[in-house]
PDB file of all heavy atoms in Angstrom:
ATOM      1  N   GLN A   1       0.835  -1.202   0.000  1.00  0.00           N
ATOM      2  CA  GLN A   1       0.000   0.000   0.000  1.00  0.00           C
ATOM      3  C   GLN A   1       0.877   1.262   0.000  1.00  0.00           C
ATOM      4  O   GLN A   1       0.600   2.230  -0.713  1.00  0.00           O
ATOM      5  CB  GLN A   1      -0.905  -0.020   1.242  1.00  0.00           C
ATOM      6  CG  GLN A   1      -2.047   0.982   1.160  1.00  0.00           C
ATOM      7  CD  GLN A   1      -2.872   0.996   2.448  1.00  0.00           C
ATOM      8  OE1 GLN A   1      -2.729   0.136   3.301  1.00  0.00           O
ATOM      9  NE2 GLN A   1      -3.726   1.994   2.575  1.00  0.00           N
ATOM     10  N   LEU A   2       1.925   1.224   0.809  1.00  0.00           N
ATOM     11  CA  LEU A   2       2.835   2.365   0.878  1.00  0.00           C
ATOM     12  C   LEU A   2       3.526   2.588  -0.466  1.00  0.00           C
ATOM     13  O   LEU A   2       3.620   3.722  -0.954  1.00  0.00           O
ATOM     14  CB  LEU A   2       3.883   2.140   1.973  1.00  0.00           C
ATOM     15  CG  LEU A   2       4.918   3.260   2.113  1.00  0.00           C
ATOM     16  CD1 LEU A   2       4.288   4.531   2.666  1.00  0.00           C
ATOM     17  CD2 LEU A   2       6.065   2.830   3.007  1.00  0.00           C
ATOM     18  N   LEU A   3       3.999   1.514  -1.083  1.00  0.00           N
ATOM     19  CA  LEU A   3       4.678   1.635  -2.380  1.00  0.00           C
ATOM     20  C   LEU A   3       3.716   2.160  -3.447  1.00  0.00           C
ATOM     21  O   LEU A   3       4.105   2.923  -4.333  1.00  0.00           O
ATOM     22  CB  LEU A   3       5.288   0.289  -2.799  1.00  0.00           C
ATOM     23  CG  LEU A   3       6.426  -0.202  -1.891  1.00  0.00           C
ATOM     24  CD1 LEU A   3       6.864  -1.603  -2.285  1.00  0.00           C
ATOM     25  CD2 LEU A   3       7.621   0.742  -1.932  1.00  0.00           C
ATOM     26  N   HIS A   4       2.442   1.757  -3.333  1.00  0.00           N
ATOM     27  CA  HIS A   4       1.409   2.263  -4.242  1.00  0.00           C
ATOM     28  C   HIS A   4       1.244   3.773  -4.061  1.00  0.00           C
ATOM     29  O   HIS A   4       1.177   4.536  -5.034  1.00  0.00           O
ATOM     30  CB  HIS A   4       0.081   1.534  -3.976  1.00  0.00           C
ATOM     31  CG  HIS A   4      -1.052   2.033  -4.804  1.00  0.00           C
ATOM     32  ND1 HIS A   4      -1.081   1.901  -6.180  1.00  0.00           N
ATOM     33  CD2 HIS A   4      -2.190   2.704  -4.462  1.00  0.00           C
ATOM     34  CE1 HIS A   4      -2.197   2.455  -6.647  1.00  0.00           C
ATOM     35  NE2 HIS A   4      -2.879   2.952  -5.629  1.00  0.00           N
ATOM     36  N   THR A   5       1.213   4.231  -2.793  1.00  0.00           N
ATOM     37  CA  THR A   5       1.090   5.663  -2.502  1.00  0.00           C
ATOM     38  C   THR A   5       2.287   6.434  -3.042  1.00  0.00           C
ATOM     39  O   THR A   5       2.141   7.503  -3.651  1.00  0.00           O
ATOM     40  CB  THR A   5       0.971   5.899  -0.979  1.00  0.00           C
ATOM     41  OG1 THR A   5      -0.145   5.162  -0.500  1.00  0.00           O
ATOM     42  CG2 THR A   5       0.780   7.367  -0.646  1.00  0.00           C
ATOM     43  N   ILE A   6       3.486   5.902  -2.813  1.00  0.00           N
ATOM     44  CA  ILE A   6       4.694   6.553  -3.331  1.00  0.00           C
ATOM     45  C   ILE A   6       4.599   6.682  -4.850  1.00  0.00           C
ATOM     46  O   ILE A   6       4.908   7.725  -5.433  1.00  0.00           O
ATOM     47  CB  ILE A   6       5.965   5.772  -2.919  1.00  0.00           C
ATOM     48  CG1 ILE A   6       6.147   5.829  -1.397  1.00  0.00           C
ATOM     49  CG2 ILE A   6       7.207   6.322  -3.626  1.00  0.00           C
ATOM     50  CD1 ILE A   6       7.200   4.879  -0.837  1.00  0.00           C
ATOM     51  N   GLY A   7       4.095   5.611  -5.493  1.00  0.00           N
ATOM     52  CA  GLY A   7       3.908   5.613  -6.952  1.00  0.00           C
ATOM     53  C   GLY A   7       2.939   6.704  -7.401  1.00  0.00           C
ATOM     54  O   GLY A   7       3.176   7.401  -8.396  1.00  0.00           O
ATOM     55  N   LEU A   8       1.845   6.864  -6.651  1.00  0.00           N
ATOM     56  CA  LEU A   8       0.846   7.889  -6.984  1.00  0.00           C
ATOM     57  C   LEU A   8       1.419   9.302  -6.826  1.00  0.00           C
ATOM     58  O   LEU A   8       1.203  10.170  -7.682  1.00  0.00           O
ATOM     59  CB  LEU A   8      -0.388   7.755  -6.071  1.00  0.00           C
ATOM     60  CG  LEU A   8      -1.398   6.670  -6.409  1.00  0.00           C
ATOM     61  CD1 LEU A   8      -2.519   6.653  -5.378  1.00  0.00           C
ATOM     62  CD2 LEU A   8      -1.997   6.883  -7.799  1.00  0.00           C
ATOM     63  N   VAL A   9       2.146   9.512  -5.718  1.00  0.00           N
ATOM     64  CA  VAL A   9       2.743  10.828  -5.486  1.00  0.00           C
ATOM     65  C   VAL A   9       3.745  11.144  -6.600  1.00  0.00           C
ATOM     66  O   VAL A   9       3.794  12.262  -7.121  1.00  0.00           O
ATOM     67  CB  VAL A   9       3.423  10.895  -4.093  1.00  0.00           C
ATOM     68  CG1 VAL A   9       4.222  12.187  -3.922  1.00  0.00           C
ATOM     69  CG2 VAL A   9       2.380  10.789  -2.989  1.00  0.00           C
ATOM     70  N   LYS A  10       4.522  10.136  -6.977  1.00  0.00           N
ATOM     71  CA  LYS A  10       5.513  10.308  -8.052  1.00  0.00           C
ATOM     72  C   LYS A  10       4.828  10.681  -9.369  1.00  0.00           C
ATOM     73  O   LYS A  10       5.270  11.559 -10.100  1.00  0.00           O
ATOM     74  CB  LYS A  10       6.305   9.007  -8.203  1.00  0.00           C
ATOM     75  CG  LYS A  10       7.451   9.078  -9.217  1.00  0.00           C
ATOM     76  CD  LYS A  10       8.190   7.745  -9.261  1.00  0.00           C
ATOM     77  CE  LYS A  10       9.185   7.684 -10.404  1.00  0.00           C
ATOM     78  NZ  LYS A  10      10.421   8.426 -10.149  1.00  0.00           N
ATOM     79  N   LYS A  11       3.719  10.010  -9.645  1.00  0.00           N
ATOM     80  CA  LYS A  11       3.011  10.217 -10.915  1.00  0.00           C
ATOM     81  C   LYS A  11       2.332  11.594 -10.970  1.00  0.00           C
ATOM     82  O   LYS A  11       2.342  12.268 -11.989  1.00  0.00           O
ATOM     83  CB  LYS A  11       1.951   9.106 -11.046  1.00  0.00           C
ATOM     84  CG  LYS A  11       1.361   8.960 -12.433  1.00  0.00           C
ATOM     85  CD  LYS A  11       0.617   7.639 -12.500  1.00  0.00           C
ATOM     86  CE  LYS A  11      -0.589   7.739 -13.415  1.00  0.00           C
ATOM     87  NZ  LYS A  11      -1.444   6.543 -13.295  1.00  0.00           N
ATOM     88  N   ARG A  12       1.735  12.000  -9.844  1.00  0.00           N
ATOM     89  CA  ARG A  12       0.870  13.185  -9.879  1.00  0.00           C
ATOM     90  C   ARG A  12       1.467  14.445  -9.270  1.00  0.00           C
ATOM     91  O   ARG A  12       1.082  15.548  -9.621  1.00  0.00           O
ATOM     92  CB  ARG A  12      -0.445  12.884  -9.158  1.00  0.00           C
ATOM     93  CG  ARG A  12      -1.218  11.785  -9.868  1.00  0.00           C
ATOM     94  CD  ARG A  12      -2.535  11.506  -9.231  1.00  0.00           C
ATOM     95  NE  ARG A  12      -3.178  10.367  -9.897  1.00  0.00           N
ATOM     96  CZ  ARG A  12      -4.187   9.692  -9.406  1.00  0.00           C
ATOM     97  NH1 ARG A  12      -4.682  10.017  -8.242  1.00  0.00           N
ATOM     98  NH2 ARG A  12      -4.723   8.686 -10.068  1.00  0.00           N
ATOM     99  N   LEU A  13       2.376  14.284  -8.292  1.00  0.00           N
ATOM    100  CA  LEU A  13       2.798  15.461  -7.518  1.00  0.00           C
ATOM    101  C   LEU A  13       4.307  15.709  -7.517  1.00  0.00           C
ATOM    102  O   LEU A  13       4.746  16.846  -7.458  1.00  0.00           O
ATOM    103  CB  LEU A  13       2.329  15.319  -6.057  1.00  0.00           C
ATOM    104  CG  LEU A  13       0.816  15.208  -5.826  1.00  0.00           C
ATOM    105  CD1 LEU A  13       0.533  14.791  -4.390  1.00  0.00           C
ATOM    106  CD2 LEU A  13       0.112  16.521  -6.142  1.00  0.00           C
ATOM    107  N   ASN A  14       5.103  14.644  -7.517  1.00  0.00           N
ATOM    108  CA  ASN A  14       6.559  14.806  -7.412  1.00  0.00           C
ATOM    109  C   ASN A  14       7.266  13.755  -8.271  1.00  0.00           C
ATOM    110  O   ASN A  14       7.644  12.690  -7.788  1.00  0.00           O
ATOM    111  CB  ASN A  14       6.990  14.671  -5.939  1.00  0.00           C
ATOM    112  CG  ASN A  14       8.491  14.838  -5.750  1.00  0.00           C
ATOM    113  OD1 ASN A  14       9.209  15.159  -6.694  1.00  0.00           O
ATOM    114  ND2 ASN A  14       8.969  14.625  -4.534  1.00  0.00           N
ATOM    115  N   PRO A  15       7.441  14.083  -9.572  1.00  0.00           N
ATOM    116  CA  PRO A  15       8.017  13.092 -10.497  1.00  0.00           C
ATOM    117  C   PRO A  15       9.423  12.630 -10.133  1.00  0.00           C
ATOM    118  O   PRO A  15       9.897  11.607 -10.610  1.00  0.00           O
ATOM    119  CB  PRO A  15       8.023  13.824 -11.850  1.00  0.00           C
ATOM    120  CG  PRO A  15       7.802  15.265 -11.536  1.00  0.00           C
ATOM    121  CD  PRO A  15       7.091  15.338 -10.234  1.00  0.00           C
ATOM    122  N   ASN A  16      10.099  13.391  -9.244  1.00  0.00           N
ATOM    123  CA  ASN A  16      11.480  13.039  -8.876  1.00  0.00           C
ATOM    124  C   ASN A  16      11.568  12.090  -7.686  1.00  0.00           C
ATOM    125  O   ASN A  16      12.656  11.694  -7.285  1.00  0.00           O
ATOM    126  CB  ASN A  16      12.271  14.315  -8.551  1.00  0.00           C
ATOM    127  CG  ASN A  16      12.311  15.259  -9.740  1.00  0.00           C
ATOM    128  OD1 ASN A  16      12.440  14.807 -10.873  1.00  0.00           O
ATOM    129  ND2 ASN A  16      12.171  16.546  -9.492  1.00  0.00           N
ATOM    130  N   LEU A  17      10.408  11.719  -7.113  1.00  0.00           N
ATOM    131  CA  LEU A  17      10.422  10.898  -5.897  1.00  0.00           C
ATOM    132  C   LEU A  17      10.838   9.451  -6.190  1.00  0.00           C
ATOM    133  O   LEU A  17      10.369   8.848  -7.147  1.00  0.00           O
ATOM    134  CB  LEU A  17       9.031  10.902  -5.251  1.00  0.00           C
ATOM    135  CG  LEU A  17       8.914  10.233  -3.880  1.00  0.00           C
ATOM    136  CD1 LEU A  17       9.697  11.001  -2.822  1.00  0.00           C
ATOM    137  CD2 LEU A  17       7.449  10.114  -3.460  1.00  0.00           C
ATOM    138  N   ASP A  18      11.729   8.930  -5.367  1.00  0.00           N
ATOM    139  CA  ASP A  18      12.150   7.528  -5.492  1.00  0.00           C
ATOM    140  C   ASP A  18      12.141   6.858  -4.125  1.00  0.00           C
ATOM    141  O   ASP A  18      12.118   7.541  -3.103  1.00  0.00           O
ATOM    142  CB  ASP A  18      13.566   7.435  -6.078  1.00  0.00           C
ATOM    143  CG  ASP A  18      13.537   7.555  -7.597  1.00  0.00           C
ATOM    144  OD1 ASP A  18      12.699   6.889  -8.218  1.00  0.00           O
ATOM    145  OD2 ASP A  18      14.343   8.337  -8.139  1.00  0.00           O
ATOM    146  N   VAL A  19      12.215   5.535  -4.143  1.00  0.00           N
ATOM    147  CA  VAL A  19      12.352   4.802  -2.876  1.00  0.00           C
ATOM    148  C   VAL A  19      13.848   4.723  -2.558  1.00  0.00           C
ATOM    149  O   VAL A  19      14.631   4.199  -3.341  1.00  0.00           O
ATOM    150  CB  VAL A  19      11.743   3.388  -2.981  1.00  0.00           C
ATOM    151  CG1 VAL A  19      11.975   2.617  -1.676  1.00  0.00           C
ATOM    152  CG2 VAL A  19      10.249   3.470  -3.276  1.00  0.00           C
ATOM    153  N   GLU A  20      14.218   5.291  -1.431  1.00  0.00           N
ATOM    154  CA  GLU A  20      15.609   5.271  -0.972  1.00  0.00           C
ATOM    155  C   GLU A  20      16.016   3.827  -0.680  1.00  0.00           C
ATOM    156  O   GLU A  20      17.098   3.376  -1.041  1.00  0.00           O
ATOM    157  CB  GLU A  20      15.720   6.114   0.306  1.00  0.00           C
ATOM    158  CG  GLU A  20      17.042   6.063   1.019  1.00  0.00           C
ATOM    159  CD  GLU A  20      18.074   7.001   0.413  1.00  0.00           C
ATOM    160  OE1 GLU A  20      17.711   7.916  -0.332  1.00  0.00           O
ATOM    161  OE2 GLU A  20      19.251   6.783   0.687  1.00  0.00           O
ATOM    162  N   GLY A  21      15.113   3.103  -0.012  1.00  0.00           N
ATOM    163  CA  GLY A  21      15.397   1.714   0.325  1.00  0.00           C
ATOM    164  C   GLY A  21      14.607   1.286   1.547  1.00  0.00           C
ATOM    165  O   GLY A  21      13.945   2.085   2.196  1.00  0.00           O
ATOM    166  N   VAL A  22      14.704   0.009   1.829  1.00  0.00           N
ATOM    167  CA  VAL A  22      14.020  -0.578   2.981  1.00  0.00           C
ATOM    168  C   VAL A  22      15.084  -0.890   4.034  1.00  0.00           C
ATOM    169  O   VAL A  22      16.161  -1.385   3.710  1.00  0.00           O
ATOM    170  CB  VAL A  22      13.298  -1.877   2.554  1.00  0.00           C
ATOM    171  CG1 VAL A  22      12.865  -2.690   3.759  1.00  0.00           C
ATOM    172  CG2 VAL A  22      12.100  -1.546   1.673  1.00  0.00           C
ATOM    173  N   VAL A  23      14.781  -0.557   5.287  1.00  0.00           N
ATOM    174  CA  VAL A  23      15.703  -0.931   6.367  1.00  0.00           C
ATOM    175  C   VAL A  23      14.943  -1.775   7.388  1.00  0.00           C
ATOM    176  O   VAL A  23      13.848  -1.431   7.803  1.00  0.00           O
ATOM    177  CB  VAL A  23      16.365   0.316   7.016  1.00  0.00           C
ATOM    178  CG1 VAL A  23      15.352   1.253   7.643  1.00  0.00           C
ATOM    179  CG2 VAL A  23      17.390  -0.095   8.058  1.00  0.00           C
ATOM    180  N   PHE A  24      15.521  -2.910   7.737  1.00  0.00           N
ATOM    181  CA  PHE A  24      14.882  -3.817   8.700  1.00  0.00           C
ATOM    182  C   PHE A  24      15.181  -3.361  10.124  1.00  0.00           C
ATOM    183  O   PHE A  24      16.318  -3.054  10.463  1.00  0.00           O
ATOM    184  CB  PHE A  24      15.390  -5.249   8.507  1.00  0.00           C
ATOM    185  CG  PHE A  24      14.931  -5.863   7.228  1.00  0.00           C
ATOM    186  CD1 PHE A  24      15.809  -6.010   6.152  1.00  0.00           C
ATOM    187  CD2 PHE A  24      13.620  -6.276   7.070  1.00  0.00           C
ATOM    188  CE1 PHE A  24      15.380  -6.559   4.964  1.00  0.00           C
ATOM    189  CE2 PHE A  24      13.185  -6.827   5.878  1.00  0.00           C
ATOM    190  CZ  PHE A  24      14.059  -6.969   4.826  1.00  0.00           C
ATOM    191  N   THR A  25      14.130  -3.329  10.962  1.00  0.00           N
ATOM    192  CA  THR A  25      14.294  -2.910  12.354  1.00  0.00           C
ATOM    193  C   THR A  25      13.809  -4.033  13.285  1.00  0.00           C
ATOM    194  O   THR A  25      13.106  -4.945  12.856  1.00  0.00           O
ATOM    195  CB  THR A  25      13.463  -1.648  12.641  1.00  0.00           C
ATOM    196  OG1 THR A  25      12.078  -1.944  12.409  1.00  0.00           O
ATOM    197  CG2 THR A  25      13.875  -0.487  11.740  1.00  0.00           C
ATOM    198  N   MET A  26      14.186  -3.897  14.554  1.00  0.00           N
ATOM    199  CA  MET A  26      13.737  -4.835  15.605  1.00  0.00           C
ATOM    200  C   MET A  26      14.034  -6.288  15.238  1.00  0.00           C
ATOM    201  O   MET A  26      13.209  -7.174  15.441  1.00  0.00           O
ATOM    202  CB  MET A  26      12.233  -4.644  15.870  1.00  0.00           C
ATOM    203  CG  MET A  26      11.888  -3.212  16.220  1.00  0.00           C
ATOM    204  SD  MET A  26      10.150  -2.989  16.577  1.00  0.00           S
ATOM    205  CE  MET A  26       9.962  -1.251  16.245  1.00  0.00           C
ATOM    206  N   TYR A  27      15.219  -6.488  14.708  1.00  0.00           N
ATOM    207  CA  TYR A  27      15.627  -7.835  14.298  1.00  0.00           C
ATOM    208  C   TYR A  27      16.070  -8.631  15.525  1.00  0.00           C
ATOM    209  O   TYR A  27      16.882  -8.158  16.320  1.00  0.00           O
ATOM    210  CB  TYR A  27      16.781  -7.733  13.300  1.00  0.00           C
ATOM    211  CG  TYR A  27      17.263  -9.055  12.769  1.00  0.00           C
ATOM    212  CD1 TYR A  27      16.624  -9.683  11.719  1.00  0.00           C
ATOM    213  CD2 TYR A  27      18.382  -9.693  13.329  1.00  0.00           C
ATOM    214  CE1 TYR A  27      17.063 -10.895  11.225  1.00  0.00           C
ATOM    215  CE2 TYR A  27      18.833 -10.905  12.848  1.00  0.00           C
ATOM    216  CZ  TYR A  27      18.170 -11.501  11.793  1.00  0.00           C
ATOM    217  OH  TYR A  27      18.602 -12.706  11.307  1.00  0.00           O
ATOM    218  N   ASP A  28      15.527  -9.810  15.671  1.00  0.00           N
ATOM    219  CA  ASP A  28      15.899 -10.681  16.785  1.00  0.00           C
ATOM    220  C   ASP A  28      16.587 -11.924  16.221  1.00  0.00           C
ATOM    221  O   ASP A  28      15.941 -12.801  15.641  1.00  0.00           O
ATOM    222  CB  ASP A  28      14.646 -11.075  17.580  1.00  0.00           C
ATOM    223  CG  ASP A  28      15.006 -11.797  18.879  1.00  0.00           C
ATOM    224  OD1 ASP A  28      16.152 -12.289  18.990  1.00  0.00           O
ATOM    225  OD2 ASP A  28      14.139 -11.875  19.770  1.00  0.00           O
ATOM    226  N   ALA A  29      17.896 -11.977  16.404  1.00  0.00           N
ATOM    227  CA  ALA A  29      18.693 -13.062  15.815  1.00  0.00           C
ATOM    228  C   ALA A  29      18.324 -14.437  16.385  1.00  0.00           C
ATOM    229  O   ALA A  29      18.632 -15.470  15.793  1.00  0.00           O
ATOM    230  CB  ALA A  29      20.176 -12.790  16.046  1.00  0.00           C
ATOM    231  N   ARG A  30      17.613 -14.441  17.538  1.00  0.00           N
ATOM    232  CA  ARG A  30      17.293 -15.738  18.166  1.00  0.00           C
ATOM    233  C   ARG A  30      16.078 -16.403  17.520  1.00  0.00           C
ATOM    234  O   ARG A  30      15.791 -17.559  17.802  1.00  0.00           O
ATOM    235  CB  ARG A  30      17.018 -15.533  19.657  1.00  0.00           C
ATOM    236  CG  ARG A  30      18.218 -15.022  20.442  1.00  0.00           C
ATOM    237  CD  ARG A  30      17.802 -14.529  21.798  1.00  0.00           C
ATOM    238  NE  ARG A  30      16.763 -13.505  21.683  1.00  0.00           N
ATOM    239  CZ  ARG A  30      16.190 -12.909  22.736  1.00  0.00           C
ATOM    240  NH1 ARG A  30      16.559 -13.231  23.954  1.00  0.00           N
ATOM    241  NH2 ARG A  30      15.262 -11.990  22.558  1.00  0.00           N
ATOM    242  N   THR A  31      15.332 -15.663  16.706  1.00  0.00           N
ATOM    243  CA  THR A  31      14.108 -16.252  16.133  1.00  0.00           C
ATOM    244  C   THR A  31      14.276 -16.533  14.650  1.00  0.00           C
ATOM    245  O   THR A  31      14.898 -15.760  13.916  1.00  0.00           O
ATOM    246  CB  THR A  31      12.900 -15.302  16.307  1.00  0.00           C
ATOM    247  OG1 THR A  31      13.137 -14.117  15.533  1.00  0.00           O
ATOM    248  CG2 THR A  31      12.689 -14.921  17.765  1.00  0.00           C
ATOM    249  N   ASN A  32      13.693 -17.644  14.237  1.00  0.00           N
ATOM    250  CA  ASN A  32      13.678 -17.955  12.806  1.00  0.00           C
ATOM    251  C   ASN A  32      12.821 -16.962  12.043  1.00  0.00           C
ATOM    252  O   ASN A  32      13.064 -16.685  10.874  1.00  0.00           O
ATOM    253  CB  ASN A  32      13.116 -19.372  12.578  1.00  0.00           C
ATOM    254  CG  ASN A  32      14.153 -20.431  12.925  1.00  0.00           C
ATOM    255  OD1 ASN A  32      15.351 -20.170  12.816  1.00  0.00           O
ATOM    256  ND2 ASN A  32      13.710 -21.586  13.357  1.00  0.00           N
ATOM    257  N   LEU A  33      11.787 -16.435  12.734  1.00  0.00           N
ATOM    258  CA  LEU A  33      10.845 -15.546  12.064  1.00  0.00           C
ATOM    259  C   LEU A  33      11.544 -14.314  11.490  1.00  0.00           C
ATOM    260  O   LEU A  33      11.315 -13.949  10.338  1.00  0.00           O
ATOM    261  CB  LEU A  33       9.740 -15.102  13.039  1.00  0.00           C
ATOM    262  CG  LEU A  33       8.694 -14.147  12.448  1.00  0.00           C
ATOM    263  CD1 LEU A  33       7.923 -14.821  11.322  1.00  0.00           C
ATOM    264  CD2 LEU A  33       7.727 -13.664  13.518  1.00  0.00           C
ATOM    265  N   SER A  34      12.419 -13.695  12.282  1.00  0.00           N
ATOM    266  CA  SER A  34      13.139 -12.501  11.806  1.00  0.00           C
ATOM    267  C   SER A  34      13.887 -12.804  10.514  1.00  0.00           C
ATOM    268  O   SER A  34      13.843 -12.048   9.553  1.00  0.00           O
ATOM    269  CB  SER A  34      14.127 -12.007  12.864  1.00  0.00           C
ATOM    270  OG  SER A  34      13.459 -11.262  13.860  1.00  0.00           O
ATOM    271  N   LEU A  35      14.566 -13.938  10.519  1.00  0.00           N
ATOM    272  CA  LEU A  35      15.330 -14.353   9.337  1.00  0.00           C
ATOM    273  C   LEU A  35      14.407 -14.580   8.137  1.00  0.00           C
ATOM    274  O   LEU A  35      14.688 -14.148   7.018  1.00  0.00           O
ATOM    275  CB  LEU A  35      16.097 -15.637   9.667  1.00  0.00           C
ATOM    276  CG  LEU A  35      17.176 -16.065   8.670  1.00  0.00           C
ATOM    277  CD1 LEU A  35      18.259 -15.006   8.565  1.00  0.00           C
ATOM    278  CD2 LEU A  35      17.779 -17.401   9.083  1.00  0.00           C
ATOM    279  N   GLN A  36      13.270 -15.231   8.394  1.00  0.00           N
ATOM    280  CA  GLN A  36      12.309 -15.515   7.316  1.00  0.00           C
ATOM    281  C   GLN A  36      11.748 -14.236   6.714  1.00  0.00           C
ATOM    282  O   GLN A  36      11.601 -14.116   5.492  1.00  0.00           O
ATOM    283  CB  GLN A  36      11.147 -16.367   7.847  1.00  0.00           C
ATOM    284  CG  GLN A  36      11.511 -17.842   8.024  1.00  0.00           C
ATOM    285  CD  GLN A  36      10.460 -18.582   8.854  1.00  0.00           C
ATOM    286  OE1 GLN A  36       9.450 -18.013   9.242  1.00  0.00           O
ATOM    287  NE2 GLN A  36      10.731 -19.838   9.130  1.00  0.00           N
ATOM    288  N   VAL A  37      11.431 -13.261   7.585  1.00  0.00           N
ATOM    289  CA  VAL A  37      10.876 -11.986   7.096  1.00  0.00           C
ATOM    290  C   VAL A  37      11.886 -11.295   6.185  1.00  0.00           C
ATOM    291  O   VAL A  37      11.544 -10.823   5.098  1.00  0.00           O
ATOM    292  CB  VAL A  37      10.483 -11.056   8.279  1.00  0.00           C
ATOM    293  CG1 VAL A  37      10.152  -9.653   7.786  1.00  0.00           C
ATOM    294  CG2 VAL A  37       9.299 -11.631   9.035  1.00  0.00           C
TER     295      VAL A  37
END
């Protein structure tokens, strides 16, 4: 949904907008789930 919004803003309001990147937070090395995500 967020990427869709960024796409809409880029198309209609700010053609120079890009995705800088994704950063993972709250990573718990003890769980398989963090690794899977």
